[in-house]
PDB file of N, CA and C in Angstrom:
ATOM      1  N   UNK A   1     -18.587 -38.149  23.140  1.00  0.00           N
ATOM      2  CA  UNK A   1     -19.028 -36.813  23.484  1.00  0.00           C
ATOM      3  C   UNK A   1     -17.935 -36.149  24.312  1.00  0.00           C
ATOM      4  N   UNK A   2     -17.640 -34.915  23.993  1.00  0.00           N
ATOM      5  CA  UNK A   2     -16.611 -34.190  24.732  1.00  0.00           C
ATOM      6  C   UNK A   2     -17.251 -33.197  25.695  1.00  0.00           C
ATOM      7  N   UNK A   3     -16.490 -32.843  26.707  1.00  0.00           N
ATOM      8  CA  UNK A   3     -16.952 -31.896  27.722  1.00  0.00           C
ATOM      9  C   UNK A   3     -16.634 -30.475  27.266  1.00  0.00           C
ATOM     10  N   UNK A   4     -17.633 -29.629  27.273  1.00  0.00           N
ATOM     11  CA  UNK A   4     -17.471 -28.241  26.863  1.00  0.00           C
ATOM     12  C   UNK A   4     -17.770 -27.349  28.059  1.00  0.00           C
ATOM     13  N   UNK A   5     -16.929 -26.361  28.274  1.00  0.00           N
ATOM     14  CA  UNK A   5     -17.190 -25.426  29.368  1.00  0.00           C
ATOM     15  C   UNK A   5     -17.752 -24.125  28.797  1.00  0.00           C
ATOM     16  N   UNK A   6     -18.589 -23.504  29.576  1.00  0.00           N
ATOM     17  CA  UNK A   6     -19.187 -22.242  29.184  1.00  0.00           C
ATOM     18  C   UNK A   6     -18.865 -21.197  30.241  1.00  0.00           C
ATOM     19  N   UNK A   7     -18.805 -19.931  29.841  1.00  0.00           N
ATOM     20  CA  UNK A   7     -18.504 -18.878  30.818  1.00  0.00           C
ATOM     21  C   UNK A   7     -19.620 -18.738  31.846  1.00  0.00           C
ATOM     22  N   UNK A   8     -19.241 -18.301  33.036  1.00  0.00           N
ATOM     23  CA  UNK A   8     -20.211 -18.088  34.108  1.00  0.00           C
ATOM     24  C   UNK A   8     -21.086 -16.871  33.843  1.00  0.00           C
ATOM     25  N   UNK A   9     -20.538 -15.875  33.158  1.00  0.00           N
ATOM     26  CA  UNK A   9     -21.260 -14.627  32.924  1.00  0.00           C
ATOM     27  C   UNK A   9     -21.193 -14.256  31.451  1.00  0.00           C
ATOM     28  N   UNK A  10     -22.243 -13.572  31.008  1.00  0.00           N
ATOM     29  CA  UNK A  10     -22.325 -13.156  29.617  1.00  0.00           C
ATOM     30  C   UNK A  10     -22.829 -11.718  29.548  1.00  0.00           C
ATOM     31  N   UNK A  11     -22.234 -10.963  28.654  1.00  0.00           N
ATOM     32  CA  UNK A  11     -22.716  -9.614  28.367  1.00  0.00           C
ATOM     33  C   UNK A  11     -23.310  -9.663  26.963  1.00  0.00           C
ATOM     34  N   UNK A  12     -24.618  -9.436  26.880  1.00  0.00           N
ATOM     35  CA  UNK A  12     -25.301  -9.404  25.595  1.00  0.00           C
ATOM     36  C   UNK A  12     -25.387  -7.951  25.145  1.00  0.00           C
ATOM     37  N   UNK A  13     -24.957  -7.695  23.921  1.00  0.00           N
ATOM     38  CA  UNK A  13     -24.991  -6.336  23.394  1.00  0.00           C
ATOM     39  C   UNK A  13     -25.751  -6.352  22.075  1.00  0.00           C
ATOM     40  N   UNK A  14     -26.814  -5.553  22.016  1.00  0.00           N
ATOM     41  CA  UNK A  14     -27.594  -5.468  20.785  1.00  0.00           C
ATOM     42  C   UNK A  14     -26.706  -4.913  19.669  1.00  0.00           C
ATOM     43  N   UNK A  15     -26.825  -5.535  18.483  1.00  0.00           N
ATOM     44  CA  UNK A  15     -26.023  -5.105  17.342  1.00  0.00           C
ATOM     45  C   UNK A  15     -26.919  -4.644  16.194  1.00  0.00           C
ATOM     46  N   UNK A  16     -28.121  -4.169  16.545  1.00  0.00           N
ATOM     47  CA  UNK A  16     -29.034  -3.651  15.529  1.00  0.00           C
ATOM     48  C   UNK A  16     -28.499  -2.368  14.913  1.00  0.00           C
ATOM     49  N   UNK A  17     -29.269  -1.781  14.018  1.00  0.00           N
ATOM     50  CA  UNK A  17     -28.781  -0.610  13.282  1.00  0.00           C
ATOM     51  C   UNK A  17     -28.453   0.580  14.184  1.00  0.00           C
ATOM     52  N   UNK A  18     -29.225   0.823  15.224  1.00  0.00           N
ATOM     53  CA  UNK A  18     -28.927   1.944  16.141  1.00  0.00           C
ATOM     54  C   UNK A  18     -27.935   1.536  17.221  1.00  0.00           C
ATOM     55  N   UNK A  19     -28.191   0.411  17.875  1.00  0.00           N
ATOM     56  CA  UNK A  19     -27.305  -0.038  18.959  1.00  0.00           C
ATOM     57  C   UNK A  19     -25.900  -0.333  18.438  1.00  0.00           C
ATOM     58  N   UNK A  20     -25.833  -0.886  17.235  1.00  0.00           N
ATOM     59  CA  UNK A  20     -24.553  -1.278  16.660  1.00  0.00           C
ATOM     60  C   UNK A  20     -23.602  -0.120  16.416  1.00  0.00           C
ATOM     61  N   UNK A  21     -24.130   1.101  16.437  1.00  0.00           N
ATOM     62  CA  UNK A  21     -23.281   2.281  16.243  1.00  0.00           C
ATOM     63  C   UNK A  21     -22.426   2.578  17.474  1.00  0.00           C
ATOM     64  N   UNK A  22     -22.765   1.967  18.591  1.00  0.00           N
ATOM     65  CA  UNK A  22     -22.061   2.224  19.848  1.00  0.00           C
ATOM     66  C   UNK A  22     -20.969   1.172  20.085  1.00  0.00           C
ATOM     67  N   UNK A  23     -20.071   1.045  19.146  1.00  0.00           N
ATOM     68  CA  UNK A  23     -19.017   0.029  19.210  1.00  0.00           C
ATOM     69  C   UNK A  23     -18.066   0.238  20.384  1.00  0.00           C
ATOM     70  N   UNK A  24     -18.014   1.466  20.911  1.00  0.00           N
ATOM     71  CA  UNK A  24     -17.116   1.744  22.029  1.00  0.00           C
ATOM     72  C   UNK A  24     -17.501   0.941  23.271  1.00  0.00           C
ATOM     73  N   UNK A  25     -18.779   0.607  23.429  1.00  0.00           N
ATOM     74  CA  UNK A  25     -19.204  -0.199  24.580  1.00  0.00           C
ATOM     75  C   UNK A  25     -18.630  -1.605  24.501  1.00  0.00           C
ATOM     76  N   UNK A  26     -18.788  -2.231  23.339  1.00  0.00           N
ATOM     77  CA  UNK A  26     -18.254  -3.583  23.157  1.00  0.00           C
ATOM     78  C   UNK A  26     -16.739  -3.586  23.353  1.00  0.00           C
ATOM     79  N   UNK A  27     -16.077  -2.590  22.798  1.00  0.00           N
ATOM     80  CA  UNK A  27     -14.622  -2.487  22.940  1.00  0.00           C
ATOM     81  C   UNK A  27     -14.239  -2.331  24.409  1.00  0.00           C
ATOM     82  N   UNK A  28     -14.952  -1.476  25.157  1.00  0.00           N
ATOM     83  CA  UNK A  28     -14.654  -1.278  26.570  1.00  0.00           C
ATOM     84  C   UNK A  28     -14.812  -2.583  27.351  1.00  0.00           C
ATOM     85  N   UNK A  29     -15.940  -3.272  27.164  1.00  0.00           N
ATOM     86  CA  UNK A  29     -16.175  -4.511  27.902  1.00  0.00           C
ATOM     87  C   UNK A  29     -15.145  -5.579  27.529  1.00  0.00           C
ATOM     88  N   UNK A  30     -14.793  -5.648  26.254  1.00  0.00           N
ATOM     89  CA  UNK A  30     -13.788  -6.621  25.807  1.00  0.00           C
ATOM     90  C   UNK A  30     -12.434  -6.345  26.472  1.00  0.00           C
ATOM     91  N   UNK A  31     -12.022  -5.087  26.513  1.00  0.00           N
ATOM     92  CA  UNK A  31     -10.752  -4.723  27.146  1.00  0.00           C
ATOM     93  C   UNK A  31     -10.796  -4.954  28.658  1.00  0.00           C
ATOM     94  N   UNK A  32     -11.932  -4.671  29.283  1.00  0.00           N
ATOM     95  CA  UNK A  32     -12.071  -4.878  30.731  1.00  0.00           C
ATOM     96  C   UNK A  32     -11.974  -6.353  31.090  1.00  0.00           C
ATOM     97  N   UNK A  33     -12.586  -7.195  30.279  1.00  0.00           N
ATOM     98  CA  UNK A  33     -12.505  -8.644  30.504  1.00  0.00           C
ATOM     99  C   UNK A  33     -11.050  -9.088  30.425  1.00  0.00           C
ATOM    100  N   UNK A  34     -10.346  -8.615  29.412  1.00  0.00           N
ATOM    101  CA  UNK A  34      -8.934  -8.968  29.240  1.00  0.00           C
ATOM    102  C   UNK A  34      -8.092  -8.433  30.398  1.00  0.00           C
ATOM    103  N   UNK A  35      -8.292  -7.169  30.772  1.00  0.00           N
ATOM    104  CA  UNK A  35      -7.509  -6.540  31.842  1.00  0.00           C
ATOM    105  C   UNK A  35      -7.679  -7.240  33.191  1.00  0.00           C
ATOM    106  N   UNK A  36      -8.854  -7.806  33.435  1.00  0.00           N
ATOM    107  CA  UNK A  36      -9.125  -8.490  34.701  1.00  0.00           C
ATOM    108  C   UNK A  36      -8.884 -10.000  34.620  1.00  0.00           C
ATOM    109  N   UNK A  37      -8.354 -10.470  33.490  1.00  0.00           N
ATOM    110  CA  UNK A  37      -8.055 -11.891  33.330  1.00  0.00           C
ATOM    111  C   UNK A  37      -9.291 -12.778  33.393  1.00  0.00           C
ATOM    112  N   UNK A  38     -10.391 -12.309  32.820  1.00  0.00           N
ATOM    113  CA  UNK A  38     -11.662 -13.030  32.914  1.00  0.00           C
ATOM    114  C   UNK A  38     -12.104 -13.652  31.590  1.00  0.00           C
ATOM    115  N   UNK A  39     -11.164 -13.870  30.696  1.00  0.00           N
ATOM    116  CA  UNK A  39     -11.508 -14.364  29.362  1.00  0.00           C
ATOM    117  C   UNK A  39     -12.288 -15.680  29.399  1.00  0.00           C
ATOM    118  N   UNK A  40     -11.978 -16.554  30.349  1.00  0.00           N
ATOM    119  CA  UNK A  40     -12.667 -17.840  30.434  1.00  0.00           C
ATOM    120  C   UNK A  40     -13.966 -17.759  31.233  1.00  0.00           C
ATOM    121  N   UNK A  41     -14.159 -16.681  31.981  1.00  0.00           N
ATOM    122  CA  UNK A  41     -15.336 -16.554  32.849  1.00  0.00           C
ATOM    123  C   UNK A  41     -16.439 -15.669  32.275  1.00  0.00           C
ATOM    124  N   UNK A  42     -16.081 -14.773  31.347  1.00  0.00           N
ATOM    125  CA  UNK A  42     -17.057 -13.814  30.811  1.00  0.00           C
ATOM    126  C   UNK A  42     -16.975 -13.808  29.287  1.00  0.00           C
ATOM    127  N   UNK A  43     -18.134 -13.815  28.667  1.00  0.00           N
ATOM    128  CA  UNK A  43     -18.193 -13.776  27.208  1.00  0.00           C
ATOM    129  C   UNK A  43     -19.090 -12.625  26.765  1.00  0.00           C
ATOM    130  N   UNK A  44     -18.720 -11.995  25.665  1.00  0.00           N
ATOM    131  CA  UNK A  44     -19.552 -10.958  25.060  1.00  0.00           C
ATOM    132  C   UNK A  44     -20.243 -11.579  23.856  1.00  0.00           C
ATOM    133  N   UNK A  45     -21.550 -11.375  23.768  1.00  0.00           N
ATOM    134  CA  UNK A  45     -22.316 -11.905  22.648  1.00  0.00           C
ATOM    135  C   UNK A  45     -23.078 -10.756  21.997  1.00  0.00           C
ATOM    136  N   UNK A  46     -22.850 -10.569  20.697  1.00  0.00           N
ATOM    137  CA  UNK A  46     -23.639  -9.593  19.949  1.00  0.00           C
ATOM    138  C   UNK A  46     -24.957 -10.264  19.579  1.00  0.00           C
ATOM    139  N   UNK A  47     -26.060  -9.583  19.887  1.00  0.00           N
ATOM    140  CA  UNK A  47     -27.370 -10.142  19.563  1.00  0.00           C
ATOM    141  C   UNK A  47     -28.041  -9.281  18.499  1.00  0.00           C
ATOM    142  N   UNK A  48     -28.991  -9.887  17.797  1.00  0.00           N
ATOM    143  CA  UNK A  48     -29.707  -9.150  16.768  1.00  0.00           C
ATOM    144  C   UNK A  48     -30.607  -8.105  17.403  1.00  0.00           C
ATOM    145  N   UNK A  49     -31.177  -7.272  16.599  1.00  0.00           N
ATOM    146  CA  UNK A  49     -32.002  -6.160  17.054  1.00  0.00           C
ATOM    147  C   UNK A  49     -33.061  -6.614  18.057  1.00  0.00           C
ATOM    148  N   UNK A  50     -33.183  -5.854  19.134  1.00  0.00           N
ATOM    149  CA  UNK A  50     -34.168  -6.154  20.177  1.00  0.00           C
ATOM    150  C   UNK A  50     -35.450  -5.337  19.989  1.00  0.00           C
ATOM    151  N   UNK A  51     -35.529  -4.569  18.920  1.00  0.00           N
ATOM    152  CA  UNK A  51     -36.679  -3.702  18.617  1.00  0.00           C
ATOM    153  C   UNK A  51     -36.921  -2.651  19.689  1.00  0.00           C
ATOM    154  N   UNK A  52     -35.862  -2.185  20.288  1.00  0.00           N
ATOM    155  CA  UNK A  52     -35.948  -1.110  21.274  1.00  0.00           C
ATOM    156  C   UNK A  52     -35.019   0.034  20.853  1.00  0.00           C
ATOM    157  N   UNK A  53     -35.065   0.334  19.580  1.00  0.00           N
ATOM    158  CA  UNK A  53     -34.140   1.294  18.983  1.00  0.00           C
ATOM    159  C   UNK A  53     -34.216   2.677  19.615  1.00  0.00           C
ATOM    160  N   UNK A  54     -35.382   3.063  20.105  1.00  0.00           N
ATOM    161  CA  UNK A  54     -35.521   4.376  20.747  1.00  0.00           C
ATOM    162  C   UNK A  54     -34.690   4.464  22.019  1.00  0.00           C
ATOM    163  N   UNK A  55     -34.285   3.317  22.539  1.00  0.00           N
ATOM    164  CA  UNK A  55     -33.563   3.269  23.811  1.00  0.00           C
ATOM    165  C   UNK A  55     -32.132   2.750  23.650  1.00  0.00           C
ATOM    166  N   UNK A  56     -31.603   2.848  22.443  1.00  0.00           N
ATOM    167  CA  UNK A  56     -30.272   2.325  22.148  1.00  0.00           C
ATOM    168  C   UNK A  56     -29.190   3.067  22.928  1.00  0.00           C
ATOM    169  N   UNK A  57     -28.118   2.372  23.255  1.00  0.00           N
ATOM    170  CA  UNK A  57     -27.874   0.946  23.073  1.00  0.00           C
ATOM    171  C   UNK A  57     -28.424   0.107  24.233  1.00  0.00           C
ATOM    172  N   UNK A  58     -28.739  -1.133  23.904  1.00  0.00           N
ATOM    173  CA  UNK A  58     -29.277  -2.097  24.857  1.00  0.00           C
ATOM    174  C   UNK A  58     -28.169  -3.073  25.244  1.00  0.00           C
ATOM    175  N   UNK A  59     -27.999  -3.277  26.546  1.00  0.00           N
ATOM    176  CA  UNK A  59     -26.995  -4.207  27.066  1.00  0.00           C
ATOM    177  C   UNK A  59     -27.669  -5.072  28.125  1.00  0.00           C
ATOM    178  N   UNK A  60     -27.327  -6.355  28.141  1.00  0.00           N
ATOM    179  CA  UNK A  60     -27.876  -7.265  29.148  1.00  0.00           C
ATOM    180  C   UNK A  60     -26.736  -8.005  29.834  1.00  0.00           C
ATOM    181  N   UNK A  61     -26.822  -8.110  31.143  1.00  0.00           N
ATOM    182  CA  UNK A  61     -25.836  -8.847  31.923  1.00  0.00           C
ATOM    183  C   UNK A  61     -26.482 -10.125  32.434  1.00  0.00           C
ATOM    184  N   UNK A  62     -25.852 -11.253  32.114  1.00  0.00           N
ATOM    185  CA  UNK A  62     -26.320 -12.556  32.582  1.00  0.00           C
ATOM    186  C   UNK A  62     -25.267 -13.145  33.502  1.00  0.00           C
ATOM    187  N   UNK A  63     -25.599 -13.840  34.540  1.00  0.00           N
ATOM    188  CA  UNK A  63     -26.883 -14.488  34.811  1.00  0.00           C
ATOM    189  C   UNK A  63     -27.870 -13.614  35.578  1.00  0.00           C
ATOM    190  N   UNK A  64     -27.557 -12.354  35.822  1.00  0.00           N
ATOM    191  CA  UNK A  64     -28.448 -11.496  36.602  1.00  0.00           C
ATOM    192  C   UNK A  64     -29.722 -11.118  35.843  1.00  0.00           C
ATOM    193  N   UNK A  65     -29.708 -11.325  34.522  1.00  0.00           N
ATOM    194  CA  UNK A  65     -30.838 -10.982  33.657  1.00  0.00           C
ATOM    195  C   UNK A  65     -31.209  -9.502  33.787  1.00  0.00           C
ATOM    196  N   UNK A  66     -30.192  -8.662  33.812  1.00  0.00           N
ATOM    197  CA  UNK A  66     -30.381  -7.212  33.928  1.00  0.00           C
ATOM    198  C   UNK A  66     -30.271  -6.572  32.546  1.00  0.00           C
ATOM    199  N   UNK A  67     -31.405  -6.171  32.006  1.00  0.00           N
ATOM    200  CA  UNK A  67     -31.455  -5.495  30.716  1.00  0.00           C
ATOM    201  C   UNK A  67     -31.423  -3.989  30.960  1.00  0.00           C
ATOM    202  N   UNK A  68     -30.502  -3.309  30.289  1.00  0.00           N
ATOM    203  CA  UNK A  68     -30.330  -1.869  30.481  1.00  0.00           C
ATOM    204  C   UNK A  68     -30.400  -1.154  29.136  1.00  0.00           C
ATOM    205  N   UNK A  69     -31.004   0.009  29.149  1.00  0.00           N
ATOM    206  CA  UNK A  69     -31.124   0.787  27.918  1.00  0.00           C
ATOM    207  C   UNK A  69     -30.353   2.097  28.045  1.00  0.00           C
ATOM    208  N   UNK A  70     -30.076   2.676  26.891  1.00  0.00           N
ATOM    209  CA  UNK A  70     -29.376   3.960  26.811  1.00  0.00           C
ATOM    210  C   UNK A  70     -28.078   3.960  27.628  1.00  0.00           C
ATOM    211  N   UNK A  71     -27.356   2.866  27.552  1.00  0.00           N
ATOM    212  CA  UNK A  71     -26.098   2.727  28.287  1.00  0.00           C
ATOM    213  C   UNK A  71     -25.038   3.604  27.620  1.00  0.00           C
ATOM    214  N   UNK A  72     -24.349   4.394  28.425  1.00  0.00           N
ATOM    215  CA  UNK A  72     -23.293   5.257  27.894  1.00  0.00           C
ATOM    216  C   UNK A  72     -21.923   4.682  28.250  1.00  0.00           C
ATOM    217  N   UNK A  73     -20.937   5.135  27.535  1.00  0.00           N
ATOM    218  CA  UNK A  73     -19.569   4.697  27.803  1.00  0.00           C
ATOM    219  C   UNK A  73     -19.146   5.119  29.209  1.00  0.00           C
ATOM    220  N   UNK A  74     -19.720   6.213  29.712  1.00  0.00           N
ATOM    221  CA  UNK A  74     -19.378   6.692  31.057  1.00  0.00           C
ATOM    222  C   UNK A  74     -19.967   5.796  32.146  1.00  0.00           C
ATOM    223  N   UNK A  75     -21.011   5.049  31.817  1.00  0.00           N
ATOM    224  CA  UNK A  75     -21.618   4.117  32.769  1.00  0.00           C
ATOM    225  C   UNK A  75     -20.973   2.737  32.710  1.00  0.00           C
ATOM    226  N   UNK A  76     -20.272   2.453  31.648  1.00  0.00           N
ATOM    227  CA  UNK A  76     -19.765   1.106  31.393  1.00  0.00           C
ATOM    228  C   UNK A  76     -18.883   0.571  32.520  1.00  0.00           C
ATOM    229  N   UNK A  77     -17.997   1.392  33.053  1.00  0.00           N
ATOM    230  CA  UNK A  77     -17.094   0.924  34.107  1.00  0.00           C
ATOM    231  C   UNK A  77     -17.865   0.530  35.365  1.00  0.00           C
ATOM    232  N   UNK A  78     -18.804   1.359  35.792  1.00  0.00           N
ATOM    233  CA  UNK A  78     -19.563   1.026  37.002  1.00  0.00           C
ATOM    234  C   UNK A  78     -20.457  -0.192  36.776  1.00  0.00           C
ATOM    235  N   UNK A  79     -20.987  -0.358  35.575  1.00  0.00           N
ATOM    236  CA  UNK A  79     -21.801  -1.537  35.269  1.00  0.00           C
ATOM    237  C   UNK A  79     -20.944  -2.802  35.268  1.00  0.00           C
ATOM    238  N   UNK A  80     -19.738  -2.698  34.717  1.00  0.00           N
ATOM    239  CA  UNK A  80     -18.826  -3.840  34.708  1.00  0.00           C
ATOM    240  C   UNK A  80     -18.483  -4.253  36.138  1.00  0.00           C
ATOM    241  N   UNK A  81     -18.192  -3.279  36.967  1.00  0.00           N
ATOM    242  CA  UNK A  81     -17.870  -3.576  38.371  1.00  0.00           C
ATOM    243  C   UNK A  81     -19.062  -4.202  39.086  1.00  0.00           C
ATOM    244  N   UNK A  82     -20.244  -3.669  38.855  1.00  0.00           N
ATOM    245  CA  UNK A  82     -21.435  -4.151  39.558  1.00  0.00           C
ATOM    246  C   UNK A  82     -21.844  -5.554  39.117  1.00  0.00           C
ATOM    247  N   UNK A  83     -21.928  -5.787  37.813  1.00  0.00           N
ATOM    248  CA  UNK A  83     -22.481  -7.047  37.322  1.00  0.00           C
ATOM    249  C   UNK A  83     -21.443  -8.119  37.013  1.00  0.00           C
ATOM    250  N   UNK A  84     -20.226  -7.727  36.701  1.00  0.00           N
ATOM    251  CA  UNK A  84     -19.202  -8.723  36.371  1.00  0.00           C
ATOM    252  C   UNK A  84     -18.276  -8.955  37.559  1.00  0.00           C
ATOM    253  N   UNK A  85     -17.739  -7.889  38.116  1.00  0.00           N
ATOM    254  CA  UNK A  85     -16.844  -8.041  39.269  1.00  0.00           C
ATOM    255  C   UNK A  85     -17.628  -8.161  40.572  1.00  0.00           C
ATOM    256  N   UNK A  86     -18.915  -7.811  40.511  1.00  0.00           N
ATOM    257  CA  UNK A  86     -19.823  -7.852  41.664  1.00  0.00           C
ATOM    258  C   UNK A  86     -19.326  -6.988  42.817  1.00  0.00           C
ATOM    259  N   UNK A  87     -18.915  -5.778  42.433  1.00  0.00           N
ATOM    260  CA  UNK A  87     -18.506  -4.759  43.403  1.00  0.00           C
ATOM    261  C   UNK A  87     -19.396  -3.553  43.173  1.00  0.00           C
ATOM    262  N   UNK A  88     -19.923  -2.997  44.225  1.00  0.00           N
ATOM    263  CA  UNK A  88     -20.819  -1.828  44.097  1.00  0.00           C
ATOM    264  C   UNK A  88     -20.033  -0.569  43.890  1.00  0.00           C
TER     265      UNK A  88
END
């Protein structure tokens, strides 16, 4: 058996038919992870439809278990700082 490491934090992004149209969010978070050198500490996971299409896009930050709806690209930076960098 080999030892596998997992990231400390995860960003879950709904990839359903409505949420999946907001590809700029995934791109922003991916670039932010790279820019801050957090590739081994943070992972982005596309998840299947959460059935909350009226509130698209849906993003969740783990381990805080913070589910957010109607996330805009303008909110992405402050959310990244708050939940990933843990800066208010």
